[in-house]
C-alpha cells in the first residue's frame, strides 16, 4: 500500500504550503480546511491509492471547488502547485477543482464522461485513469464532510450513495465499501 507516511518530507512541504495559503484558518466540517485536506489524503492512503492521487487528495481544494468556493491559489498559478506535488497530481487537483458538478455527476454511470471545466467552460473527456482518481477523491472528500457534519449527512447521504452506486465501477473496492458502509441503506 502506498502511504503518505512513506513520503514525509513531501507531505510536510505540502502541509506547510497549505498553512501558508491559510487553510489552517478556514472553517470546514470537522474543524479547518487543513484538517479536512489531511484526512482526505489519509483516507486515500488507507484505500491504497497511488501517491499522486494521495497528494491530489491532500491538495484537492487548492483552486476551490464547485461545492467550496474558497481558493488557496488561483488556477492561473497552477505551476506553483505542480512544482510542489508533481505535474500529474496537480492535473488531478485541477480536474477536481474545475469540475462543473451539475454537468459531470449525472454522467458518471457510463462512458464517455465529458467534463465541463467551470473555469473555462471547455468540455473534454479526461483519461479513464484520471476519471477514476477524480471519483476516488470525490468519495474521500464527501465521506469526510458527511462524517463531520450531521446536518449535511442527513440531507445528502442518500443522493451521494446513489451517485457512488452509479459510479462504483470507477471506485476501488476499498472506496466503494466505505461508501456502502457510511452512506448505504441500513440492513
N, C-alpha and C. Protein backbone atom coordinates (compact mmCIF):
# COMPACT_ATOMS: atom_id res chain seq x y z
N UNK A 1 0.85 -1.17 0.00
CA UNK A 1 0.00 0.00 0.00
C UNK A 1 0.89 1.24 0.00
N UNK A 2 0.56 2.20 -0.84
CA UNK A 2 1.25 3.48 -0.79
C UNK A 2 0.73 4.25 0.40
N UNK A 3 1.59 4.92 1.09
CA UNK A 3 1.19 5.65 2.28
C UNK A 3 1.87 7.00 2.26
N UNK A 4 1.08 8.04 2.54
CA UNK A 4 1.70 9.36 2.60
C UNK A 4 2.80 9.38 3.65
N UNK A 5 2.74 8.47 4.63
CA UNK A 5 3.79 8.37 5.62
C UNK A 5 5.13 7.98 5.01
N UNK A 6 5.11 7.34 3.84
CA UNK A 6 6.35 6.97 3.15
C UNK A 6 7.02 8.16 2.50
N UNK A 7 6.31 9.24 2.39
CA UNK A 7 6.87 10.43 1.75
C UNK A 7 6.75 11.62 2.71
N UNK A 8 7.27 11.48 3.93
CA UNK A 8 7.05 12.51 4.95
C UNK A 8 7.58 13.89 4.56
N UNK A 9 8.70 13.97 3.89
CA UNK A 9 9.24 15.29 3.53
C UNK A 9 8.32 15.99 2.54
N UNK A 10 7.84 15.26 1.54
CA UNK A 10 6.94 15.88 0.56
C UNK A 10 5.61 16.26 1.22
N UNK A 11 5.09 15.38 2.04
CA UNK A 11 3.84 15.68 2.74
C UNK A 11 4.02 16.92 3.63
N UNK A 12 5.12 16.99 4.32
CA UNK A 12 5.39 18.14 5.19
C UNK A 12 5.42 19.43 4.37
N UNK A 13 6.05 19.38 3.20
CA UNK A 13 6.11 20.58 2.33
C UNK A 13 4.71 20.97 1.85
N UNK A 14 3.89 19.98 1.51
CA UNK A 14 2.53 20.28 1.05
C UNK A 14 1.72 20.88 2.19
N UNK A 15 1.80 20.27 3.38
CA UNK A 15 1.06 20.80 4.51
C UNK A 15 1.52 22.22 4.86
N UNK A 16 2.82 22.48 4.77
CA UNK A 16 3.33 23.82 5.04
C UNK A 16 2.78 24.81 4.00
N UNK A 17 2.76 24.42 2.74
CA UNK A 17 2.18 25.26 1.68
C UNK A 17 0.72 25.57 1.99
N UNK A 18 -0.05 24.55 2.40
CA UNK A 18 -1.46 24.75 2.71
C UNK A 18 -1.63 25.70 3.89
N UNK A 19 -0.76 25.57 4.89
CA UNK A 19 -0.79 26.51 6.03
C UNK A 19 -0.49 27.94 5.56
N UNK A 20 0.55 28.07 4.75
CA UNK A 20 0.94 29.39 4.24
C UNK A 20 -0.18 30.03 3.43
N UNK A 21 -0.97 29.21 2.77
CA UNK A 21 -2.09 29.72 1.96
C UNK A 21 -3.35 29.93 2.79
N UNK A 22 -3.29 29.65 4.11
CA UNK A 22 -4.40 29.97 5.01
C UNK A 22 -5.36 28.84 5.32
N UNK A 23 -5.08 27.62 4.89
CA UNK A 23 -6.02 26.51 5.08
C UNK A 23 -6.29 26.21 6.55
N UNK A 24 -5.33 26.51 7.41
CA UNK A 24 -5.50 26.22 8.83
C UNK A 24 -6.51 27.17 9.49
N UNK A 25 -6.78 28.30 8.86
CA UNK A 25 -7.71 29.27 9.43
C UNK A 25 -9.07 29.30 8.75
N UNK A 26 -9.32 28.38 7.83
CA UNK A 26 -10.59 28.36 7.10
C UNK A 26 -11.50 27.31 7.73
N UNK A 27 -12.64 27.72 8.28
CA UNK A 27 -13.56 26.74 8.87
C UNK A 27 -14.06 25.74 7.83
N UNK A 28 -14.22 24.50 8.27
CA UNK A 28 -14.68 23.42 7.41
C UNK A 28 -15.24 22.35 8.32
N UNK A 29 -16.23 21.55 7.84
CA UNK A 29 -16.73 20.47 8.70
C UNK A 29 -15.58 19.63 9.25
N UNK A 30 -15.58 19.46 10.57
CA UNK A 30 -14.52 18.71 11.22
C UNK A 30 -13.38 19.58 11.68
N UNK A 31 -13.56 20.90 11.66
CA UNK A 31 -12.52 21.80 12.15
C UNK A 31 -12.13 22.83 11.13
N UNK A 32 -10.99 22.56 10.46
CA UNK A 32 -10.47 23.52 9.49
C UNK A 32 -10.30 22.83 8.13
N UNK A 33 -10.13 23.64 7.11
CA UNK A 33 -9.87 23.09 5.79
C UNK A 33 -8.61 22.24 5.81
N UNK A 34 -7.57 22.69 6.51
CA UNK A 34 -6.34 21.91 6.57
C UNK A 34 -6.60 20.53 7.18
N UNK A 35 -7.33 20.47 8.27
CA UNK A 35 -7.63 19.18 8.90
C UNK A 35 -8.39 18.28 7.93
N UNK A 36 -9.34 18.85 7.21
CA UNK A 36 -10.11 18.09 6.21
C UNK A 36 -9.19 17.55 5.11
N UNK A 37 -8.33 18.42 4.58
CA UNK A 37 -7.44 18.00 3.50
C UNK A 37 -6.52 16.86 3.96
N UNK A 38 -6.01 16.96 5.17
CA UNK A 38 -5.15 15.90 5.70
C UNK A 38 -5.93 14.60 5.83
N UNK A 39 -7.16 14.68 6.33
CA UNK A 39 -7.98 13.46 6.46
C UNK A 39 -8.28 12.84 5.10
N UNK A 40 -8.55 13.65 4.09
CA UNK A 40 -8.81 13.11 2.75
C UNK A 40 -7.56 12.40 2.22
N UNK A 41 -6.40 13.02 2.37
CA UNK A 41 -5.16 12.36 1.95
C UNK A 41 -4.94 11.05 2.69
N UNK A 42 -5.20 11.05 3.99
CA UNK A 42 -5.04 9.84 4.79
C UNK A 42 -6.02 8.76 4.37
N UNK A 43 -7.25 9.14 4.07
CA UNK A 43 -8.25 8.18 3.62
C UNK A 43 -7.81 7.51 2.33
N UNK A 44 -7.34 8.32 1.40
CA UNK A 44 -6.87 7.78 0.12
C UNK A 44 -5.68 6.84 0.34
N UNK A 45 -4.79 7.19 1.25
CA UNK A 45 -3.66 6.31 1.58
C UNK A 45 -4.19 4.98 2.13
N UNK A 46 -5.17 5.07 3.01
CA UNK A 46 -5.76 3.86 3.59
C UNK A 46 -6.43 2.97 2.56
N UNK A 47 -6.91 3.58 1.50
CA UNK A 47 -7.54 2.81 0.42
C UNK A 47 -6.52 2.28 -0.56
N UNK A 48 -5.26 2.60 -0.36
CA UNK A 48 -4.20 2.10 -1.24
C UNK A 48 -4.03 2.89 -2.52
N UNK A 49 -4.48 4.14 -2.55
CA UNK A 49 -4.36 4.97 -3.75
C UNK A 49 -2.88 5.25 -4.05
N UNK A 50 -2.55 5.41 -5.33
CA UNK A 50 -1.17 5.81 -5.68
C UNK A 50 -0.80 7.14 -5.03
N UNK A 51 0.48 7.37 -4.85
CA UNK A 51 0.97 8.57 -4.17
C UNK A 51 0.47 9.84 -4.86
N UNK A 52 0.44 9.87 -6.21
CA UNK A 52 -0.03 11.10 -6.87
C UNK A 52 -1.50 11.38 -6.55
N UNK A 53 -2.30 10.34 -6.39
CA UNK A 53 -3.71 10.53 -6.03
C UNK A 53 -3.81 10.98 -4.57
N UNK A 54 -2.96 10.43 -3.70
CA UNK A 54 -2.94 10.87 -2.31
C UNK A 54 -2.57 12.35 -2.21
N UNK A 55 -1.55 12.76 -2.96
CA UNK A 55 -1.13 14.16 -2.94
C UNK A 55 -2.21 15.07 -3.52
N UNK A 56 -2.89 14.59 -4.54
CA UNK A 56 -4.01 15.36 -5.10
C UNK A 56 -5.13 15.48 -4.07
N UNK A 57 -5.41 14.40 -3.35
CA UNK A 57 -6.43 14.45 -2.30
C UNK A 57 -6.05 15.42 -1.19
N UNK A 58 -4.79 15.42 -0.82
CA UNK A 58 -4.29 16.33 0.21
C UNK A 58 -4.41 17.78 -0.24
N UNK A 59 -4.40 18.02 -1.52
CA UNK A 59 -4.41 19.38 -2.09
C UNK A 59 -5.69 19.69 -2.84
N UNK A 60 -6.71 18.84 -2.76
CA UNK A 60 -7.82 18.88 -3.71
C UNK A 60 -8.60 20.20 -3.76
N UNK A 61 -8.59 20.98 -2.72
CA UNK A 61 -9.36 22.23 -2.71
C UNK A 61 -8.50 23.46 -2.99
N UNK A 62 -7.30 23.27 -3.46
CA UNK A 62 -6.38 24.39 -3.67
C UNK A 62 -6.99 25.47 -4.55
N UNK A 63 -7.69 25.08 -5.61
CA UNK A 63 -8.29 26.07 -6.53
C UNK A 63 -9.76 26.33 -6.19
N UNK A 64 -10.20 25.87 -5.02
CA UNK A 64 -11.62 25.90 -4.71
C UNK A 64 -12.30 24.77 -5.47
N UNK A 65 -13.56 24.56 -5.19
CA UNK A 65 -14.32 23.53 -5.88
C UNK A 65 -15.71 24.06 -6.19
N UNK A 66 -16.45 23.31 -6.94
CA UNK A 66 -17.83 23.67 -7.26
C UNK A 66 -18.68 23.71 -5.98
N UNK A 67 -18.26 23.01 -4.93
CA UNK A 67 -19.00 23.00 -3.68
C UNK A 67 -18.35 23.80 -2.56
N UNK A 68 -17.15 24.32 -2.79
CA UNK A 68 -16.41 25.08 -1.76
C UNK A 68 -15.60 26.14 -2.50
N UNK A 69 -16.15 27.33 -2.57
CA UNK A 69 -15.60 28.36 -3.46
C UNK A 69 -14.25 28.93 -3.02
N UNK A 70 -13.91 28.84 -1.76
CA UNK A 70 -12.68 29.47 -1.25
C UNK A 70 -11.45 28.80 -1.85
N UNK A 71 -10.67 29.55 -2.60
CA UNK A 71 -9.46 29.03 -3.23
C UNK A 71 -8.23 29.44 -2.43
N UNK A 72 -7.25 28.57 -2.39
CA UNK A 72 -5.97 28.87 -1.75
C UNK A 72 -4.98 29.43 -2.75
N UNK A 73 -5.23 29.17 -4.02
CA UNK A 73 -4.34 29.58 -5.10
C UNK A 73 -5.19 29.72 -6.35
N UNK A 74 -5.02 30.78 -7.13
CA UNK A 74 -5.81 30.89 -8.36
C UNK A 74 -5.32 29.89 -9.41
N UNK A 75 -6.25 29.40 -10.23
CA UNK A 75 -5.85 28.43 -11.26
C UNK A 75 -4.77 28.95 -12.21
N UNK A 76 -4.64 30.26 -12.31
CA UNK A 76 -3.60 30.83 -13.17
C UNK A 76 -2.19 30.55 -12.64
N UNK A 77 -2.11 30.10 -11.39
CA UNK A 77 -0.81 29.82 -10.78
C UNK A 77 -0.60 28.32 -10.57
N UNK A 78 -1.10 27.53 -11.51
CA UNK A 78 -1.00 26.08 -11.40
C UNK A 78 0.43 25.59 -11.28
N UNK A 79 1.36 26.29 -11.89
CA UNK A 79 2.76 25.87 -11.83
C UNK A 79 3.30 25.81 -10.41
N UNK A 80 2.80 26.66 -9.54
CA UNK A 80 3.24 26.66 -8.15
C UNK A 80 2.93 25.32 -7.49
N UNK A 81 1.70 24.86 -7.67
CA UNK A 81 1.31 23.58 -7.08
C UNK A 81 1.99 22.41 -7.79
N UNK A 82 2.14 22.50 -9.11
CA UNK A 82 2.80 21.42 -9.87
C UNK A 82 4.24 21.23 -9.40
N UNK A 83 4.93 22.30 -9.11
CA UNK A 83 6.29 22.21 -8.61
C UNK A 83 6.33 21.47 -7.27
N UNK A 84 5.30 21.65 -6.47
CA UNK A 84 5.24 21.06 -5.14
C UNK A 84 4.84 19.59 -5.14
N UNK A 85 3.83 19.23 -5.95
CA UNK A 85 3.29 17.87 -5.87
C UNK A 85 3.49 17.06 -7.15
N UNK A 86 3.99 17.67 -8.19
CA UNK A 86 4.19 16.97 -9.46
C UNK A 86 3.09 17.30 -10.45
N UNK A 87 3.43 17.17 -11.72
CA UNK A 87 2.50 17.56 -12.78
C UNK A 87 1.21 16.74 -12.78
N UNK A 88 1.32 15.43 -12.62
CA UNK A 88 0.11 14.61 -12.68
C UNK A 88 -0.79 14.85 -11.48
N UNK A 89 -0.22 14.92 -10.28
CA UNK A 89 -1.04 15.19 -9.09
C UNK A 89 -1.72 16.55 -9.23
N UNK A 90 -0.98 17.54 -9.72
CA UNK A 90 -1.58 18.87 -9.91
C UNK A 90 -2.69 18.83 -10.94
N UNK A 91 -2.52 18.06 -12.01
CA UNK A 91 -3.57 17.94 -13.02
C UNK A 91 -4.83 17.34 -12.41
N UNK A 92 -4.66 16.41 -11.47
CA UNK A 92 -5.82 15.82 -10.78
C UNK A 92 -6.50 16.86 -9.88
N UNK A 93 -5.70 17.70 -9.21
CA UNK A 93 -6.27 18.77 -8.39
C UNK A 93 -7.06 19.73 -9.28
N UNK A 94 -6.50 20.07 -10.44
CA UNK A 94 -7.21 20.97 -11.35
C UNK A 94 -8.49 20.31 -11.85
N UNK A 95 -8.42 19.04 -12.21
CA UNK A 95 -9.61 18.31 -12.67
C UNK A 95 -10.69 18.37 -11.60
N UNK A 96 -10.30 18.12 -10.36
CA UNK A 96 -11.26 18.12 -9.26
C UNK A 96 -11.84 19.52 -9.04
N UNK A 97 -10.98 20.52 -8.97
CA UNK A 97 -11.43 21.87 -8.69
C UNK A 97 -12.21 22.50 -9.82
N UNK A 98 -11.90 22.13 -11.03
CA UNK A 98 -12.55 22.75 -12.19
C UNK A 98 -13.85 22.07 -12.58
N UNK A 99 -14.15 20.95 -11.95
CA UNK A 99 -15.33 20.17 -12.33
C UNK A 99 -16.64 20.92 -12.10
N UNK A 100 -17.42 21.04 -13.15
CA UNK A 100 -18.79 21.54 -13.06
C UNK A 100 -19.65 20.33 -12.67
N UNK A 101 -19.93 20.20 -11.39
CA UNK A 101 -20.58 19.00 -10.86
C UNK A 101 -21.95 18.75 -11.50
N UNK A 102 -22.73 19.81 -11.74
CA UNK A 102 -24.05 19.61 -12.35
C UNK A 102 -23.94 18.98 -13.73
N UNK A 103 -22.87 19.28 -14.44
CA UNK A 103 -22.68 18.71 -15.78
C UNK A 103 -22.06 17.32 -15.74
N UNK A 104 -21.18 17.07 -14.77
CA UNK A 104 -20.39 15.84 -14.76
C UNK A 104 -21.04 14.71 -13.97
N UNK A 105 -21.53 14.99 -12.77
CA UNK A 105 -22.03 13.92 -11.91
C UNK A 105 -23.08 13.03 -12.57
N UNK A 106 -24.03 13.58 -13.31
CA UNK A 106 -25.04 12.71 -13.93
C UNK A 106 -24.47 11.74 -14.97
N UNK A 107 -23.26 11.98 -15.44
CA UNK A 107 -22.64 11.11 -16.46
C UNK A 107 -21.81 9.97 -15.88
N UNK A 108 -21.57 9.97 -14.58
CA UNK A 108 -20.60 9.04 -14.01
C UNK A 108 -21.02 7.58 -14.06
N UNK A 109 -22.22 7.30 -14.50
CA UNK A 109 -22.68 5.91 -14.60
C UNK A 109 -22.17 5.21 -15.85
N UNK A 110 -21.73 5.96 -16.84
CA UNK A 110 -21.38 5.33 -18.11
C UNK A 110 -20.12 5.89 -18.73
N UNK A 111 -20.07 5.77 -20.04
CA UNK A 111 -18.91 6.21 -20.78
C UNK A 111 -19.38 6.69 -22.14
N UNK A 112 -18.86 7.73 -22.67
CA UNK A 112 -17.81 8.57 -22.10
C UNK A 112 -18.37 9.52 -21.04
N UNK A 113 -17.48 10.06 -20.23
CA UNK A 113 -17.82 11.12 -19.29
C UNK A 113 -17.14 12.37 -19.81
N UNK A 114 -17.95 13.34 -20.17
CA UNK A 114 -17.44 14.59 -20.70
C UNK A 114 -17.42 15.62 -19.57
N UNK A 115 -16.21 16.07 -19.24
CA UNK A 115 -16.05 17.07 -18.19
C UNK A 115 -16.35 18.44 -18.74
N UNK A 116 -16.94 19.27 -17.91
CA UNK A 116 -17.09 20.68 -18.23
C UNK A 116 -16.27 21.43 -17.20
N UNK A 117 -15.30 22.21 -17.67
CA UNK A 117 -14.41 22.99 -16.83
C UNK A 117 -15.15 24.26 -16.41
N UNK A 118 -15.40 24.40 -15.12
CA UNK A 118 -16.16 25.55 -14.62
C UNK A 118 -15.37 26.86 -14.72
N UNK A 119 -14.05 26.78 -14.86
CA UNK A 119 -13.24 27.98 -15.00
C UNK A 119 -13.22 28.49 -16.44
N UNK A 120 -13.16 27.57 -17.40
CA UNK A 120 -13.00 27.96 -18.81
C UNK A 120 -14.24 27.71 -19.66
N UNK A 121 -15.13 26.83 -19.18
CA UNK A 121 -16.30 26.46 -19.96
C UNK A 121 -16.01 25.38 -20.99
N UNK A 122 -14.76 24.96 -21.12
CA UNK A 122 -14.40 23.93 -22.10
C UNK A 122 -14.91 22.56 -21.66
N UNK A 123 -15.24 21.74 -22.64
CA UNK A 123 -15.67 20.36 -22.38
C UNK A 123 -14.66 19.41 -23.00
N UNK A 124 -14.36 18.32 -22.29
CA UNK A 124 -13.37 17.36 -22.77
C UNK A 124 -13.58 16.04 -22.04
N UNK A 125 -13.01 14.99 -22.60
CA UNK A 125 -13.07 13.68 -21.98
C UNK A 125 -11.71 13.38 -21.34
N UNK A 126 -11.67 13.31 -19.99
CA UNK A 126 -10.38 13.02 -19.34
C UNK A 126 -10.00 11.55 -19.53
N UNK A 127 -8.73 11.23 -19.41
CA UNK A 127 -8.32 9.82 -19.46
C UNK A 127 -9.04 9.01 -18.36
N UNK A 128 -9.30 7.77 -18.66
CA UNK A 128 -10.03 6.90 -17.71
C UNK A 128 -9.34 6.85 -16.34
N UNK A 129 -8.01 6.78 -16.32
CA UNK A 129 -7.30 6.72 -15.03
C UNK A 129 -7.52 8.01 -14.23
N UNK A 130 -7.58 9.14 -14.89
CA UNK A 130 -7.84 10.40 -14.20
C UNK A 130 -9.29 10.47 -13.71
N UNK A 131 -10.19 9.94 -14.49
CA UNK A 131 -11.59 9.89 -14.07
C UNK A 131 -11.73 9.03 -12.82
N UNK A 132 -11.05 7.89 -12.80
CA UNK A 132 -11.08 7.02 -11.61
C UNK A 132 -10.51 7.77 -10.40
N UNK A 133 -9.41 8.47 -10.57
CA UNK A 133 -8.82 9.24 -9.46
C UNK A 133 -9.79 10.32 -9.00
N UNK A 134 -10.44 11.00 -9.94
CA UNK A 134 -11.41 12.03 -9.60
C UNK A 134 -12.53 11.46 -8.73
N UNK A 135 -13.08 10.32 -9.12
CA UNK A 135 -14.18 9.73 -8.35
C UNK A 135 -13.69 9.26 -6.98
N UNK A 136 -12.49 8.73 -6.92
CA UNK A 136 -11.92 8.28 -5.65
C UNK A 136 -11.72 9.47 -4.70
N UNK A 137 -11.19 10.57 -5.21
CA UNK A 137 -11.01 11.77 -4.39
C UNK A 137 -12.37 12.32 -3.97
N UNK A 138 -13.32 12.30 -4.88
CA UNK A 138 -14.67 12.76 -4.57
C UNK A 138 -15.26 11.95 -3.42
N UNK A 139 -15.11 10.64 -3.48
CA UNK A 139 -15.65 9.79 -2.41
C UNK A 139 -14.97 10.11 -1.08
N UNK A 140 -13.64 10.20 -1.07
CA UNK A 140 -12.93 10.50 0.17
C UNK A 140 -13.36 11.86 0.73
N UNK A 141 -13.51 12.84 -0.14
CA UNK A 141 -13.94 14.16 0.28
C UNK A 141 -15.33 14.13 0.88
N UNK A 142 -16.28 13.58 0.16
CA UNK A 142 -17.67 13.60 0.61
C UNK A 142 -17.86 12.78 1.88
N UNK A 143 -17.21 11.63 1.98
CA UNK A 143 -17.34 10.83 3.19
C UNK A 143 -16.81 11.59 4.40
N UNK A 144 -15.70 12.31 4.23
CA UNK A 144 -15.16 13.08 5.34
C UNK A 144 -16.10 14.22 5.73
N UNK A 145 -16.61 14.95 4.75
CA UNK A 145 -17.53 16.06 5.06
C UNK A 145 -18.74 15.54 5.82
N UNK A 146 -19.34 14.47 5.34
CA UNK A 146 -20.56 13.96 5.98
C UNK A 146 -20.27 13.36 7.35
N UNK A 147 -19.10 12.79 7.53
CA UNK A 147 -18.73 12.24 8.84
C UNK A 147 -18.61 13.34 9.90
N UNK A 148 -18.39 14.57 9.46
CA UNK A 148 -18.17 15.67 10.39
C UNK A 148 -19.29 16.71 10.40
N UNK A 149 -20.37 16.43 9.69
CA UNK A 149 -21.49 17.37 9.68
C UNK A 149 -22.79 16.57 9.55
N UNK A 150 -23.44 16.36 10.69
CA UNK A 150 -24.66 15.57 10.72
C UNK A 150 -25.78 16.15 9.87
N UNK A 151 -25.88 17.47 9.83
CA UNK A 151 -26.93 18.10 9.04
C UNK A 151 -26.74 17.81 7.55
N UNK A 152 -25.49 17.95 7.08
CA UNK A 152 -25.22 17.63 5.68
C UNK A 152 -25.40 16.14 5.42
N UNK A 153 -25.02 15.30 6.37
CA UNK A 153 -25.19 13.86 6.21
C UNK A 153 -26.66 13.50 6.05
N UNK A 154 -27.49 14.11 6.88
CA UNK A 154 -28.93 13.83 6.79
C UNK A 154 -29.50 14.28 5.45
N UNK A 155 -29.01 15.41 4.98
CA UNK A 155 -29.53 16.00 3.75
C UNK A 155 -29.02 15.29 2.49
N UNK A 156 -27.74 14.86 2.48
CA UNK A 156 -27.12 14.41 1.23
C UNK A 156 -26.68 12.95 1.17
N UNK A 157 -26.76 12.22 2.27
CA UNK A 157 -26.25 10.84 2.25
C UNK A 157 -26.91 9.98 1.18
N UNK A 158 -28.22 10.05 1.08
CA UNK A 158 -28.92 9.21 0.10
C UNK A 158 -28.51 9.54 -1.33
N UNK A 159 -28.46 10.83 -1.66
CA UNK A 159 -28.08 11.23 -3.02
C UNK A 159 -26.64 10.85 -3.32
N UNK A 160 -25.75 11.01 -2.34
CA UNK A 160 -24.36 10.64 -2.58
C UNK A 160 -24.20 9.14 -2.70
N UNK A 161 -24.97 8.38 -1.92
CA UNK A 161 -24.91 6.93 -2.08
C UNK A 161 -25.34 6.55 -3.49
N UNK A 162 -26.39 7.17 -3.99
CA UNK A 162 -26.85 6.88 -5.35
C UNK A 162 -25.79 7.26 -6.38
N UNK A 163 -25.14 8.40 -6.19
CA UNK A 163 -24.05 8.81 -7.09
C UNK A 163 -22.95 7.77 -7.11
N UNK A 164 -22.46 7.38 -5.94
CA UNK A 164 -21.35 6.42 -5.88
C UNK A 164 -21.78 5.02 -6.29
N UNK A 165 -23.03 4.68 -6.09
CA UNK A 165 -23.52 3.39 -6.57
C UNK A 165 -23.48 3.35 -8.09
N UNK A 166 -23.90 4.44 -8.74
CA UNK A 166 -23.84 4.53 -10.20
C UNK A 166 -22.41 4.51 -10.71
N UNK A 167 -21.49 5.07 -9.91
CA UNK A 167 -20.09 5.22 -10.33
C UNK A 167 -19.17 4.19 -9.68
N UNK A 168 -19.73 3.17 -9.05
CA UNK A 168 -18.86 2.26 -8.29
C UNK A 168 -17.84 1.54 -9.16
N UNK A 169 -18.13 1.42 -10.46
CA UNK A 169 -17.16 0.80 -11.38
C UNK A 169 -15.89 1.65 -11.52
N UNK A 170 -15.94 2.90 -11.06
CA UNK A 170 -14.78 3.79 -11.11
C UNK A 170 -14.05 3.86 -9.77
N UNK A 171 -14.61 3.24 -8.75
CA UNK A 171 -14.03 3.28 -7.41
C UNK A 171 -13.22 2.02 -7.12
N UNK A 172 -12.21 2.18 -6.27
CA UNK A 172 -11.52 0.99 -5.77
C UNK A 172 -12.49 0.21 -4.88
N UNK A 173 -12.19 -1.05 -4.67
CA UNK A 173 -13.04 -1.87 -3.80
C UNK A 173 -13.12 -1.27 -2.40
N UNK A 174 -12.01 -0.73 -1.90
CA UNK A 174 -11.99 -0.15 -0.56
C UNK A 174 -12.87 1.10 -0.49
N UNK A 175 -12.81 1.94 -1.50
CA UNK A 175 -13.62 3.16 -1.51
C UNK A 175 -15.10 2.82 -1.61
N UNK A 176 -15.45 1.88 -2.47
CA UNK A 176 -16.85 1.50 -2.63
C UNK A 176 -17.38 0.89 -1.34
N UNK A 177 -16.58 0.08 -0.67
CA UNK A 177 -17.01 -0.48 0.61
C UNK A 177 -17.25 0.63 1.64
N UNK A 178 -16.36 1.60 1.70
CA UNK A 178 -16.53 2.71 2.63
C UNK A 178 -17.81 3.49 2.32
N UNK A 179 -18.11 3.69 1.04
CA UNK A 179 -19.34 4.38 0.65
C UNK A 179 -20.56 3.58 1.09
N UNK A 180 -20.53 2.28 0.87
CA UNK A 180 -21.65 1.43 1.28
C UNK A 180 -21.84 1.47 2.80
N UNK A 181 -20.73 1.38 3.53
CA UNK A 181 -20.83 1.36 4.99
C UNK A 181 -21.34 2.68 5.56
N UNK A 182 -20.85 3.79 5.03
CA UNK A 182 -21.22 5.09 5.59
C UNK A 182 -22.52 5.64 5.03
N UNK A 183 -22.80 5.37 3.77
CA UNK A 183 -23.93 6.02 3.11
C UNK A 183 -25.08 5.08 2.78
N UNK A 184 -24.79 3.80 2.70
CA UNK A 184 -25.79 2.85 2.23
C UNK A 184 -26.95 2.68 3.17
N UNK A 185 -28.04 2.14 2.64
CA UNK A 185 -29.21 1.91 3.47
C UNK A 185 -28.90 0.91 4.59
N UNK A 186 -29.49 1.14 5.73
CA UNK A 186 -29.30 0.21 6.85
C UNK A 186 -29.94 -1.13 6.50
N UNK A 187 -29.25 -2.19 6.88
CA UNK A 187 -29.79 -3.52 6.55
C UNK A 187 -30.41 -4.16 7.76
